[in-house]
Amino acid sequence: MKNLYSILEVAKGASQQDIKSAYRKLAKKHHPDANPGDTKVEEKFKEISAAYQILGDEKLRARYDRGEIDESGHEKMSGFRSGRTASAGFGGGAEDIFSEIFGNFRGGGFRGRVPEKGRDRKFAIEIDFTQSALGDKRRLTMGDGGRTLDVAIPAGVTDGQQIRLKGQGEPGVAGGPAGDILINVSVKPHGFFRREGKNVLVELPISLPEAVLGATVKVPTVDGTVNLKVPPGSNTGTTLRLKGKGIGGPGKEGRGDQLVKLKVVLPDKQDKELQDWVTKWSKKHDYDARSKLKAN
């Protein structure tokens, strides 16, 4: 292992405050949270933290400088001399020696190691438009012994949004907190629903008689089909509102609305009777359908 002073990039005669400042600077630069997925940086962070555990403690630093412990915090065995027992060399029995040496180790690291947050685990899920509007549940298989986790997908989640489940990731190190689960959500496009903020937009085709005379028609919503009253004289572009049939939200935010934009549709096949009637009607009721496009 490298010399601890070189790891922290300080001189051997540096003050405790200099060592502390150097550690903070390096730890911030190499922290895993600032460099997700970079294993080399993660190892560097561990190396920096281990070095500071010794040099940041005046007593341990003094022992390290005297050569009594090595860079890992282990007792050096050079004190044993031929013909001497372990108890004579350390002022106690063998039990005390191994207690001193191995008592400093817990979970693979020496006592006092900086607690580290566990790794985050990442998942990607795809949901449909209705699930994103109303919320849903999804069961994830973690892959660690078949553990499953039921995830609540919040109402109103957007395409590309990330859901964070705190403390559900990898266990922490040296008493540190567990990592999180990060779920990237993608929402499948819908055939006719479109989202605008918390509102759902849908274009609804209506027939010529329905537009002229008015009618009650069925319209799809994220909750299912509902009846909608089309007023007489409705035109293409007329927008009707269905209160509370839009996108959900957290807590007491409430739901948005569904906006139904009407589109008058003529029959697919030309109708001679309709043409004759319109020809006769237009002679007495001619109007300019593009008057709003004219410049002022």
Protein backbone atom coordinates (compact mmCIF):
# COMPACT_ATOMS: atom_id res chain seq x y z
CA MET A 1 0.00 0.00 0.00
CA LYS A 2 1.18 3.56 -0.67
CA ASN A 3 2.53 5.80 2.04
CA LEU A 4 -0.48 7.36 3.80
CA TYR A 5 0.88 10.88 3.46
CA SER A 6 1.22 10.51 -0.31
CA ILE A 7 -2.35 9.19 -0.51
CA LEU A 8 -3.65 12.36 1.15
CA GLU A 9 -1.14 14.46 -0.83
CA VAL A 10 0.39 16.11 2.24
CA ALA A 11 3.89 16.31 3.67
CA LYS A 12 4.85 14.15 6.63
CA GLY A 13 5.15 17.25 8.80
CA ALA A 14 1.68 18.54 7.90
CA SER A 15 -0.53 19.78 10.73
CA GLN A 16 -3.68 17.91 11.75
CA GLN A 17 -5.72 20.74 10.26
CA ASP A 18 -3.85 20.42 6.94
CA ILE A 19 -4.54 16.68 6.92
CA LYS A 20 -8.20 17.26 7.65
CA SER A 21 -8.50 19.85 4.88
CA ALA A 22 -6.72 17.61 2.40
CA TYR A 23 -9.03 14.72 3.22
CA ARG A 24 -12.17 16.81 2.80
CA LYS A 25 -10.98 18.05 -0.59
CA LEU A 26 -10.08 14.59 -1.88
CA ALA A 27 -13.14 12.87 -0.41
CA LYS A 28 -15.43 15.37 -2.08
CA LYS A 29 -13.67 14.88 -5.42
CA HIS A 30 -13.69 11.08 -5.28
CA HIS A 31 -16.99 10.39 -3.51
CA PRO A 32 -18.96 7.58 -5.22
CA ASP A 33 -22.13 9.69 -5.29
CA ALA A 34 -20.31 12.25 -7.43
CA ASN A 35 -18.92 9.55 -9.71
CA PRO A 36 -21.67 6.92 -10.11
CA GLY A 37 -20.54 3.69 -11.70
CA ASP A 38 -16.82 4.53 -11.63
CA THR A 39 -15.23 1.65 -9.71
CA LYS A 40 -11.73 3.15 -9.88
CA VAL A 41 -12.90 6.34 -8.23
CA GLU A 42 -14.75 4.29 -5.61
CA GLU A 43 -11.56 2.40 -4.74
CA LYS A 44 -9.67 5.69 -4.55
CA PHE A 45 -12.28 7.02 -2.12
CA LYS A 46 -11.87 3.97 0.09
CA GLU A 47 -8.09 4.39 0.02
CA ILE A 48 -8.38 8.07 1.00
CA SER A 49 -10.82 7.27 3.81
CA ALA A 50 -8.57 4.52 5.18
CA ALA A 51 -5.55 6.84 5.16
CA TYR A 52 -7.44 9.54 7.03
CA GLN A 53 -8.57 7.12 9.71
CA ILE A 54 -4.97 6.79 10.77
CA LEU A 55 -3.47 10.19 9.98
CA GLY A 56 -6.56 12.02 11.22
CA ASP A 57 -6.12 10.44 14.67
CA GLU A 58 -3.09 11.92 16.45
CA LYS A 59 -2.38 8.76 18.47
CA LEU A 60 -2.66 6.44 15.49
CA ARG A 61 -0.63 8.85 13.40
CA ALA A 62 2.13 8.85 15.99
CA ARG A 63 2.18 5.05 16.04
CA TYR A 64 2.29 4.97 12.26
CA ASP A 65 5.19 7.43 12.23
CA ARG A 66 7.05 5.25 14.74
CA GLY A 67 6.47 2.21 12.54
CA GLU A 68 4.29 0.39 15.08
CA ILE A 69 1.36 -0.01 12.68
CA ASP A 70 1.27 -0.27 8.92
CA GLU A 71 -0.87 1.51 6.32
CA SER A 72 -3.80 -0.81 6.98
CA GLY A 73 -3.79 -0.28 10.72
CA HIS A 74 -2.23 -3.68 11.44
CA GLU A 75 0.26 -4.06 14.23
CA LYS A 76 3.70 -4.70 12.81
CA MET A 77 5.26 -7.93 14.07
CA SER A 78 8.84 -6.66 14.13
CA GLY A 79 8.66 -6.44 17.93
CA PHE A 80 8.88 -10.21 18.24
CA ARG A 81 12.41 -11.36 18.96
CA SER A 82 13.84 -14.85 18.97
CA GLY A 83 13.29 -16.61 22.27
CA ARG A 84 10.67 -14.13 23.49
CA THR A 85 7.06 -15.06 23.98
CA ALA A 86 4.23 -12.99 22.71
CA SER A 87 3.23 -12.04 26.25
CA ALA A 88 6.73 -10.78 27.01
CA GLY A 89 6.83 -8.66 23.86
CA PHE A 90 3.44 -6.98 24.45
CA GLY A 91 2.98 -7.05 28.18
CA GLY A 92 0.08 -9.48 28.06
CA GLY A 93 -1.04 -12.93 26.96
CA ALA A 94 -1.52 -14.12 23.40
CA GLU A 95 -5.21 -13.45 23.84
CA ASP A 96 -4.48 -9.78 24.48
CA ILE A 97 -2.24 -9.58 21.40
CA PHE A 98 -4.82 -10.98 19.02
CA SER A 99 -7.51 -8.92 20.70
CA GLU A 100 -5.46 -5.81 19.99
CA ILE A 101 -4.71 -6.82 16.41
CA PHE A 102 -7.98 -8.31 15.29
CA GLY A 103 -10.23 -6.31 17.57
CA ASN A 104 -9.59 -3.43 15.20
CA PHE A 105 -11.28 -5.27 12.35
CA ARG A 106 -14.99 -5.43 11.70
CA GLY A 107 -16.49 -6.57 8.48
CA GLY A 108 -13.17 -6.51 6.64
CA GLY A 109 -12.06 -3.03 7.72
CA PHE A 110 -10.39 -1.50 10.75
CA ARG A 111 -12.35 0.02 13.58
CA GLY A 112 -13.24 3.64 12.90
CA ARG A 113 -13.48 3.23 9.16
CA VAL A 114 -15.65 5.92 7.62
CA PRO A 115 -19.18 4.55 7.17
CA GLU A 116 -20.07 4.30 3.50
CA LYS A 117 -23.45 4.23 1.84
CA GLY A 118 -24.24 1.00 0.01
CA ARG A 119 -24.46 0.86 -3.75
CA ASP A 120 -27.65 2.00 -5.46
CA ARG A 121 -29.47 -0.55 -7.60
CA LYS A 122 -31.01 0.54 -10.88
CA PHE A 123 -34.04 -0.80 -12.71
CA ALA A 124 -36.02 0.27 -15.77
CA ILE A 125 -39.74 -0.31 -16.23
CA GLU A 126 -42.24 0.54 -18.94
CA ILE A 127 -45.84 1.43 -18.13
CA ASP A 128 -48.82 2.42 -20.25
CA PHE A 129 -50.50 5.81 -20.36
CA THR A 130 -53.34 4.85 -18.01
CA GLN A 131 -50.90 3.56 -15.37
CA SER A 132 -48.96 6.82 -15.53
CA ALA A 133 -52.17 8.84 -15.12
CA LEU A 134 -53.75 6.88 -12.28
CA GLY A 135 -50.77 5.15 -10.64
CA ASP A 136 -50.21 1.43 -10.30
CA LYS A 137 -48.11 -1.23 -8.57
CA ARG A 138 -45.26 -3.22 -10.05
CA ARG A 139 -43.41 -6.18 -8.53
CA LEU A 140 -39.63 -6.22 -8.97
CA THR A 141 -37.46 -9.31 -8.57
CA MET A 142 -34.23 -8.18 -6.96
CA GLY A 143 -32.03 -11.08 -8.04
CA ASP A 144 -30.59 -11.62 -4.55
CA GLY A 145 -32.07 -14.91 -3.52
CA GLY A 146 -35.35 -14.26 -5.28
CA ARG A 147 -36.34 -11.32 -3.07
CA THR A 148 -39.26 -9.38 -4.50
CA LEU A 149 -40.34 -5.83 -3.88
CA ASP A 150 -43.76 -4.31 -4.57
CA VAL A 151 -43.28 -0.82 -5.94
CA ALA A 152 -46.02 1.82 -5.88
CA ILE A 153 -45.97 3.83 -9.10
CA PRO A 154 -47.33 7.28 -8.20
CA ALA A 155 -50.17 8.81 -10.16
CA GLY A 156 -48.87 11.46 -12.54
CA VAL A 157 -45.44 9.91 -13.12
CA THR A 158 -43.91 11.23 -16.34
CA ASP A 159 -41.90 9.59 -19.09
CA GLY A 160 -38.23 9.54 -18.06
CA GLN A 161 -38.96 10.21 -14.39
CA GLN A 162 -36.92 8.36 -11.77
CA ILE A 163 -38.49 6.79 -8.70
CA ARG A 164 -36.18 6.51 -5.67
CA LEU A 165 -36.75 3.93 -2.96
CA LYS A 166 -34.53 4.92 -0.07
CA GLY A 167 -32.64 2.22 1.80
CA GLN A 168 -33.67 -0.62 -0.50
CA GLY A 169 -30.33 -0.98 -2.29
CA GLU A 170 -27.08 -2.69 -1.30
CA PRO A 171 -26.17 -2.78 2.43
CA GLY A 172 -23.90 -0.05 3.71
CA VAL A 173 -20.28 -0.52 4.80
CA ALA A 174 -19.04 -0.05 8.36
CA GLY A 175 -22.47 0.92 9.63
CA GLY A 176 -23.23 3.23 6.72
CA PRO A 177 -26.77 3.53 5.33
CA ALA A 178 -28.04 1.15 2.69
CA GLY A 179 -28.13 2.34 -0.89
CA ASP A 180 -31.30 3.17 -2.76
CA ILE A 181 -33.23 1.60 -5.60
CA LEU A 182 -33.52 3.87 -8.62
CA ILE A 183 -36.29 3.04 -11.08
CA ASN A 184 -36.30 4.77 -14.46
CA VAL A 185 -39.82 4.94 -15.83
CA SER A 186 -40.78 5.07 -19.49
CA VAL A 187 -44.39 5.66 -20.54
CA LYS A 188 -45.66 4.04 -23.75
CA PRO A 189 -47.32 6.50 -26.14
CA HIS A 190 -51.11 6.08 -26.38
CA GLY A 191 -53.10 5.69 -29.55
CA PHE A 192 -55.30 8.76 -28.97
CA PHE A 193 -54.66 10.16 -25.47
CA ARG A 194 -52.11 12.95 -25.17
CA ARG A 195 -50.83 14.58 -22.02
CA GLU A 196 -50.60 18.32 -21.45
CA GLY A 197 -49.53 19.08 -17.88
CA LYS A 198 -52.17 17.43 -15.69
CA ASN A 199 -54.76 17.39 -18.45
CA VAL A 200 -55.50 14.61 -20.93
CA LEU A 201 -56.25 15.67 -24.49
CA VAL A 202 -58.25 13.56 -26.95
CA GLU A 203 -59.63 14.36 -30.39
CA LEU A 204 -63.18 13.02 -30.80
CA PRO A 205 -64.66 12.49 -34.28
CA ILE A 206 -68.38 13.34 -34.56
CA SER A 207 -70.79 13.03 -37.47
CA LEU A 208 -72.38 15.89 -39.34
CA PRO A 209 -75.83 15.32 -37.76
CA GLU A 210 -74.25 15.15 -34.28
CA ALA A 211 -72.47 18.43 -34.93
CA VAL A 212 -75.50 20.23 -36.33
CA LEU A 213 -78.23 18.84 -34.11
CA GLY A 214 -76.28 17.98 -30.97
CA ALA A 215 -76.09 14.53 -29.38
CA THR A 216 -74.92 12.50 -26.41
CA VAL A 217 -71.90 10.46 -27.47
CA LYS A 218 -69.54 8.03 -25.79
CA VAL A 219 -65.96 9.19 -25.20
CA PRO A 220 -63.02 7.21 -23.82
CA THR A 221 -61.22 8.39 -20.69
CA VAL A 222 -58.41 6.91 -18.57
CA ASP A 223 -61.16 5.72 -16.20
CA GLY A 224 -63.22 4.07 -18.93
CA THR A 225 -65.95 5.20 -21.32
CA VAL A 226 -68.30 8.01 -20.28
CA ASN A 227 -71.17 9.90 -21.92
CA LEU A 228 -70.55 13.41 -23.25
CA LYS A 229 -73.19 15.89 -24.37
CA VAL A 230 -72.30 17.60 -27.66
CA PRO A 231 -74.17 20.92 -27.98
CA PRO A 232 -76.06 21.69 -31.22
CA GLY A 233 -73.99 23.67 -33.69
CA SER A 234 -70.67 22.28 -32.49
CA ASN A 235 -67.78 22.69 -34.90
CA THR A 236 -64.40 21.15 -35.56
CA GLY A 237 -62.09 22.56 -32.90
CA THR A 238 -64.81 22.99 -30.29
CA THR A 239 -63.29 21.78 -26.99
CA LEU A 240 -65.37 20.30 -24.19
CA ARG A 241 -64.10 19.66 -20.67
CA LEU A 242 -64.57 16.57 -18.48
CA LYS A 243 -63.73 17.65 -14.93
CA GLY A 244 -61.47 15.39 -12.88
CA LYS A 245 -60.82 12.90 -15.68
CA GLY A 246 -57.19 13.89 -16.21
CA ILE A 247 -53.83 13.07 -14.67
CA GLY A 248 -53.59 12.25 -10.98
CA GLY A 249 -51.08 13.74 -8.57
CA PRO A 250 -49.53 13.14 -5.16
CA GLY A 251 -51.31 13.89 -1.93
CA LYS A 252 -54.21 16.30 -2.18
CA GLU A 253 -53.20 17.85 -5.48
CA GLY A 254 -56.23 16.40 -7.20
CA ARG A 255 -56.62 15.35 -10.79
CA GLY A 256 -56.56 17.38 -13.95
CA ASP A 257 -59.30 17.38 -16.57
CA GLN A 258 -59.84 15.71 -19.90
CA LEU A 259 -60.17 18.09 -22.82
CA VAL A 260 -62.21 16.71 -25.72
CA LYS A 261 -61.56 18.45 -29.02
CA LEU A 262 -64.34 17.79 -31.55
CA LYS A 263 -63.66 16.96 -35.17
CA VAL A 264 -66.57 16.91 -37.62
CA VAL A 265 -66.20 13.97 -40.00
CA LEU A 266 -68.15 13.54 -43.26
CA PRO A 267 -69.13 10.10 -44.59
CA ASP A 268 -66.32 8.15 -46.25
CA LYS A 269 -68.37 7.75 -49.43
CA GLN A 270 -69.83 10.71 -51.31
CA ASP A 271 -73.59 10.99 -50.84
CA LYS A 272 -75.54 12.44 -53.80
CA GLU A 273 -78.52 13.33 -51.68
CA LEU A 274 -76.31 15.23 -49.22
CA GLN A 275 -74.56 17.05 -52.06
CA ASP A 276 -77.84 18.12 -53.61
CA TRP A 277 -79.17 19.34 -50.28
CA VAL A 278 -75.99 21.30 -49.48
CA THR A 279 -76.03 22.87 -52.97
CA LYS A 280 -79.59 24.06 -52.44
CA TRP A 281 -78.94 25.18 -48.86
CA SER A 282 -75.77 27.12 -49.68
CA LYS A 283 -77.53 29.32 -52.23
CA LYS A 284 -79.45 30.97 -49.41
CA HIS A 285 -76.94 30.51 -46.57
CA ASP A 286 -73.52 31.20 -48.04
CA TYR A 287 -70.82 32.07 -45.46
CA ASP A 288 -67.04 32.64 -45.38
CA ALA A 289 -65.42 29.79 -43.40
CA ARG A 290 -62.00 31.47 -43.61
CA SER A 291 -62.95 34.94 -42.49
CA LYS A 292 -60.74 34.69 -39.38
CA LEU A 293 -57.67 34.17 -41.55
CA LYS A 294 -58.00 37.52 -43.26
CA ALA A 295 -55.60 40.24 -42.21
CA ASN A 296 -56.99 43.09 -40.14
